Amino acid sequence: MQWLTHLVVDLFHSASEDEPLAKLSLSLAAVGMWTLPAAGAVLKRWRLHQRLKNLNFEMIGLSGCLFNPIFYFCLNLVLVSAILTGLGDFLFGKLLTKNGALFVPLVIAGLIFTIVQTYLIYRYFSPPKKPPRWEFLKQPQSEAIGDACIFLNMILFQVAWNMLTFADMGRPTSFLDFFGRLFFLCFLALLIYFPPRMFYLVEDIKRPRTWVTMLLANSPVIVRVLIGTNGWN
């Protein structure tokens, strides 16, 4: 993860110098972060609920901020904006911003697709009322591909989350500064860290070991943001 995060930071540096390949790579990463969770939710939904049904597992406690679609919808709008900016510049150049007949339909289409994408993701948490029309969605291979999509999506978001360790914020100057950083960290966690993990928290949300593991795994990010140490070189 440290190597991947360094690689992405280098890509951002190259993109800031207008290197087309770096811009394209970051745009494709944004496309992956936008498409992979919906694909994983569709591919895995039927098999997941069949397994939970056989285990007599009830989906309870999936409310509150962690499972609020507003956060995911806002995040997806940011990703769509990044995709339109990156791929739009790569495919159309300055024509995208100068031609309203091209720019406005793309923005509207991005909004509509984001609504559909968010719906597909959150439908994952409700049991299907009838079998899927596509027979492949009932097969173990469908769930395996869905797991791969969800895992890869989590890796991409984890890289984005780890980039907080590069912020040289210095030491907090007061309690107000400390609590401001804490609020900032919690807000970013709701937008970046937890969304790709919702698929896993469906079954693990009530296991204390899950939360302890996440806390320990993210202790470097938490310490660097709250306490204020130098970013990685």
Protein backbone atom coordinates (compact mmCIF):
# COMPACT_ATOMS: atom_id res chain seq x y z
CA MET A 1 0.00 0.00 0.00
CA GLN A 2 2.87 2.39 0.73
CA TRP A 3 4.37 1.70 -2.69
CA LEU A 4 1.00 2.22 -4.42
CA THR A 5 0.42 5.46 -2.54
CA HIS A 6 3.86 6.77 -3.54
CA LEU A 7 3.08 5.82 -7.14
CA VAL A 8 -0.21 7.73 -7.13
CA VAL A 9 1.43 10.78 -5.55
CA ASP A 10 4.03 10.70 -8.33
CA LEU A 11 1.19 10.48 -10.87
CA PHE A 12 -0.40 13.59 -9.37
CA HIS A 13 2.94 15.40 -9.62
CA SER A 14 3.26 14.36 -13.26
CA ALA A 15 -0.34 15.33 -14.00
CA SER A 16 0.28 18.78 -12.54
CA GLU A 17 3.01 19.13 -15.16
CA ASP A 18 0.46 18.29 -17.90
CA GLU A 19 1.76 14.83 -18.73
CA PRO A 20 -1.08 13.16 -20.73
CA LEU A 21 -0.31 9.59 -19.60
CA ALA A 22 -0.43 10.56 -15.92
CA LYS A 23 -3.74 12.38 -16.42
CA LEU A 24 -5.16 9.39 -18.26
CA SER A 25 -4.02 6.99 -15.51
CA LEU A 26 -5.67 9.06 -12.78
CA SER A 27 -8.84 9.38 -14.85
CA LEU A 28 -9.01 5.61 -15.37
CA ALA A 29 -8.54 5.11 -11.61
CA ALA A 30 -11.52 7.42 -11.02
CA VAL A 31 -13.53 5.40 -13.55
CA GLY A 32 -12.66 2.25 -11.63
CA MET A 33 -13.69 3.80 -8.30
CA TRP A 34 -17.00 4.77 -9.90
CA THR A 35 -17.85 1.55 -11.75
CA LEU A 36 -16.38 -1.24 -9.61
CA PRO A 37 -18.69 -0.95 -6.57
CA ALA A 38 -21.86 -1.02 -8.69
CA ALA A 39 -20.54 -3.97 -10.70
CA GLY A 40 -19.60 -5.83 -7.53
CA ALA A 41 -22.99 -5.12 -5.95
CA VAL A 42 -24.89 -6.48 -8.94
CA LEU A 43 -22.69 -9.57 -9.36
CA LYS A 44 -22.66 -10.50 -5.67
CA ARG A 45 -26.14 -9.58 -4.45
CA TRP A 46 -28.07 -12.78 -5.14
CA ARG A 47 -25.42 -15.14 -3.78
CA LEU A 48 -24.86 -12.98 -0.69
CA HIS A 49 -28.50 -12.97 0.36
CA GLN A 50 -28.92 -16.66 -0.36
CA ARG A 51 -25.99 -17.39 1.93
CA LEU A 52 -27.27 -15.06 4.66
CA LYS A 53 -30.71 -16.62 4.38
CA ASN A 54 -29.24 -20.09 4.89
CA LEU A 55 -27.38 -18.80 7.96
CA ASN A 56 -30.51 -17.10 9.34
CA PHE A 57 -28.56 -13.85 9.34
CA GLU A 58 -30.57 -10.65 9.65
CA MET A 59 -29.29 -7.38 8.23
CA ILE A 60 -29.86 -5.09 11.19
CA GLY A 61 -27.98 -2.04 12.29
CA LEU A 62 -27.29 -0.92 8.71
CA SER A 63 -28.40 2.64 9.29
CA GLY A 64 -26.86 5.92 10.30
CA CYS A 65 -24.05 7.78 8.60
CA LEU A 66 -22.09 4.72 7.48
CA PHE A 67 -24.94 3.45 5.29
CA ASN A 68 -26.43 6.78 4.28
CA PRO A 69 -26.71 6.99 0.47
CA ILE A 70 -26.24 10.76 0.58
CA PHE A 71 -22.55 10.36 1.40
CA TYR A 72 -22.01 7.87 -1.39
CA PHE A 73 -23.99 9.99 -3.85
CA CYS A 74 -21.89 13.07 -3.05
CA LEU A 75 -18.72 11.04 -3.39
CA ASN A 76 -19.87 9.68 -6.76
CA LEU A 77 -20.58 13.19 -8.00
CA VAL A 78 -17.00 14.14 -7.16
CA LEU A 79 -15.76 11.08 -9.06
CA VAL A 80 -17.94 11.92 -12.07
CA SER A 81 -16.55 15.46 -12.05
CA ALA A 82 -13.02 14.06 -12.02
CA ILE A 83 -13.87 11.67 -14.85
CA LEU A 84 -15.44 14.40 -16.98
CA THR A 85 -12.49 16.69 -16.34
CA GLY A 86 -9.80 14.08 -16.96
CA LEU A 87 -11.24 11.98 -19.77
CA GLY A 88 -13.05 14.96 -21.26
CA ASP A 89 -9.80 16.86 -21.57
CA PHE A 90 -8.06 13.77 -22.95
CA LEU A 91 -10.76 13.00 -25.54
CA PHE A 92 -12.08 16.43 -26.49
CA GLY A 93 -9.45 18.89 -25.29
CA LYS A 94 -10.64 22.47 -24.83
CA LEU A 95 -13.68 21.74 -26.98
CA LEU A 96 -15.45 20.24 -23.93
CA THR A 97 -15.55 23.49 -21.96
CA LYS A 98 -16.11 25.75 -24.95
CA ASN A 99 -18.94 23.76 -26.53
CA GLY A 100 -22.06 23.90 -24.34
CA ALA A 101 -23.89 21.49 -26.63
CA LEU A 102 -21.32 18.85 -25.64
CA PHE A 103 -20.59 19.82 -22.04
CA VAL A 104 -24.15 20.16 -20.71
CA PRO A 105 -25.43 16.75 -21.98
CA LEU A 106 -22.36 15.04 -20.51
CA VAL A 107 -22.98 16.66 -17.12
CA ILE A 108 -26.66 15.66 -17.18
CA ALA A 109 -25.77 12.12 -18.26
CA GLY A 110 -23.19 11.92 -15.46
CA LEU A 111 -25.82 12.96 -12.92
CA ILE A 112 -28.35 10.42 -14.19
CA PHE A 113 -25.84 7.57 -14.27
CA THR A 114 -24.67 8.48 -10.77
CA ILE A 115 -28.24 8.21 -9.46
CA VAL A 116 -28.58 4.79 -11.10
CA GLN A 117 -25.16 3.70 -9.85
CA THR A 118 -25.97 4.71 -6.27
CA TYR A 119 -29.28 2.86 -6.48
CA LEU A 120 -27.55 -0.33 -7.66
CA ILE A 121 -25.06 -0.12 -4.80
CA TYR A 122 -27.65 0.37 -2.06
CA ARG A 123 -29.97 -2.25 -3.52
CA TYR A 124 -27.21 -4.68 -2.55
CA PHE A 125 -28.27 -4.38 1.11
CA SER A 126 -31.89 -5.43 0.53
CA PRO A 127 -32.83 -9.07 -0.20
CA PRO A 128 -33.98 -9.67 -3.80
CA LYS A 129 -37.68 -10.42 -4.15
CA LYS A 130 -37.20 -12.71 -7.13
CA PRO A 131 -34.34 -14.54 -8.84
CA PRO A 132 -32.25 -12.54 -11.31
CA ARG A 133 -33.09 -12.84 -14.98
CA TRP A 134 -29.47 -13.49 -15.93
CA GLU A 135 -28.61 -17.04 -14.93
CA PHE A 136 -24.94 -16.18 -14.48
CA LEU A 137 -25.78 -14.04 -11.43
CA LYS A 138 -26.81 -17.22 -9.58
CA GLN A 139 -23.47 -18.92 -10.15
CA PRO A 140 -20.45 -18.92 -7.77
CA GLN A 141 -18.35 -17.36 -10.54
CA SER A 142 -20.55 -14.26 -10.42
CA GLU A 143 -19.89 -13.80 -6.70
CA ALA A 144 -16.17 -14.38 -7.20
CA ILE A 145 -15.96 -11.67 -9.87
CA GLY A 146 -18.07 -9.40 -7.65
CA ASP A 147 -15.67 -9.99 -4.75
CA ALA A 148 -12.74 -9.07 -7.01
CA CYS A 149 -14.48 -5.84 -8.06
CA ILE A 150 -15.24 -4.89 -4.45
CA PHE A 151 -11.70 -5.68 -3.30
CA LEU A 152 -10.05 -3.73 -6.11
CA ASN A 153 -12.36 -0.80 -5.40
CA MET A 154 -11.33 -0.91 -1.75
CA ILE A 155 -7.64 -0.84 -2.72
CA LEU A 156 -8.17 2.28 -4.86
CA PHE A 157 -9.98 4.07 -2.05
CA GLN A 158 -7.36 2.93 0.47
CA VAL A 159 -4.67 4.58 -1.64
CA ALA A 160 -6.69 7.80 -1.62
CA TRP A 161 -7.09 7.51 2.16
CA ASN A 162 -3.38 6.84 2.68
CA MET A 163 -2.53 10.06 0.87
CA LEU A 164 -3.47 11.86 4.10
CA THR A 165 -0.13 10.68 5.49
CA PHE A 166 1.60 12.99 3.01
CA ALA A 167 0.01 16.09 4.51
CA ASP A 168 2.51 17.96 6.67
CA MET A 169 0.01 19.59 9.03
CA GLY A 170 2.38 20.32 11.90
CA ARG A 171 1.46 20.00 15.55
CA PRO A 172 -2.00 21.10 16.72
CA THR A 173 -1.78 24.55 18.25
CA SER A 174 -4.84 24.27 20.52
CA PHE A 175 -7.67 21.99 21.58
CA LEU A 176 -9.86 23.71 19.00
CA ASP A 177 -7.32 22.86 16.32
CA PHE A 178 -7.19 19.24 17.53
CA PHE A 179 -10.98 18.80 17.48
CA GLY A 180 -11.12 20.52 14.11
CA ARG A 181 -8.71 17.92 12.76
CA LEU A 182 -10.76 15.16 14.40
CA PHE A 183 -13.93 16.41 12.69
CA PHE A 184 -12.05 16.68 9.39
CA LEU A 185 -10.74 13.13 9.75
CA CYS A 186 -14.17 11.68 10.63
CA PHE A 187 -15.79 13.50 7.71
CA LEU A 188 -13.20 12.20 5.24
CA ALA A 189 -13.58 8.71 6.69
CA LEU A 190 -17.31 8.81 5.89
CA LEU A 191 -16.52 9.90 2.33
CA ILE A 192 -13.40 7.87 1.52
CA TYR A 193 -12.68 5.09 4.01
CA PHE A 194 -16.04 3.53 4.86
CA PRO A 195 -17.94 3.56 1.51
CA PRO A 196 -15.92 0.75 -0.12
CA ARG A 197 -16.08 -1.25 3.13
CA MET A 198 -19.86 -1.21 3.45
CA PHE A 199 -19.99 -4.45 1.50
CA TYR A 200 -17.88 -6.15 4.18
CA LEU A 201 -19.55 -4.46 7.16
CA VAL A 202 -22.85 -6.07 6.18
CA GLU A 203 -21.67 -9.23 7.95
CA ASP A 204 -19.03 -7.82 10.29
CA ILE A 205 -20.50 -4.60 11.66
CA LYS A 206 -21.34 -6.11 15.06
CA ARG A 207 -17.98 -7.82 15.56
CA PRO A 208 -15.75 -5.76 17.90
CA ARG A 209 -12.68 -7.39 16.36
CA THR A 210 -13.56 -5.76 13.04
CA TRP A 211 -13.52 -2.25 14.51
CA VAL A 212 -10.34 -2.88 16.51
CA THR A 213 -8.62 -4.15 13.37
CA MET A 214 -9.65 -1.10 11.36
CA LEU A 215 -8.52 1.21 14.15
CA LEU A 216 -5.09 -0.43 14.36
CA ALA A 217 -4.69 -0.56 10.58
CA ASN A 218 -5.40 3.16 10.29
CA SER A 219 -3.40 4.29 13.30
CA PRO A 220 -0.61 5.77 11.09
CA VAL A 221 -3.14 7.99 9.29
CA ILE A 222 -4.89 8.94 12.52
CA VAL A 223 -1.64 9.84 14.28
CA ARG A 224 -0.28 11.88 11.38
CA VAL A 225 -3.49 13.90 11.03
CA LEU A 226 -4.32 14.41 14.71
CA ILE A 227 -0.86 14.68 16.25
CA GLY A 228 0.88 16.22 13.26
CA THR A 229 4.05 14.63 11.97
CA ASN A 230 5.98 15.23 8.80
CA GLY A 231 4.66 13.66 5.61
CA TRP A 232 6.52 10.86 3.91
CA ASN A 233 9.32 11.89 1.59
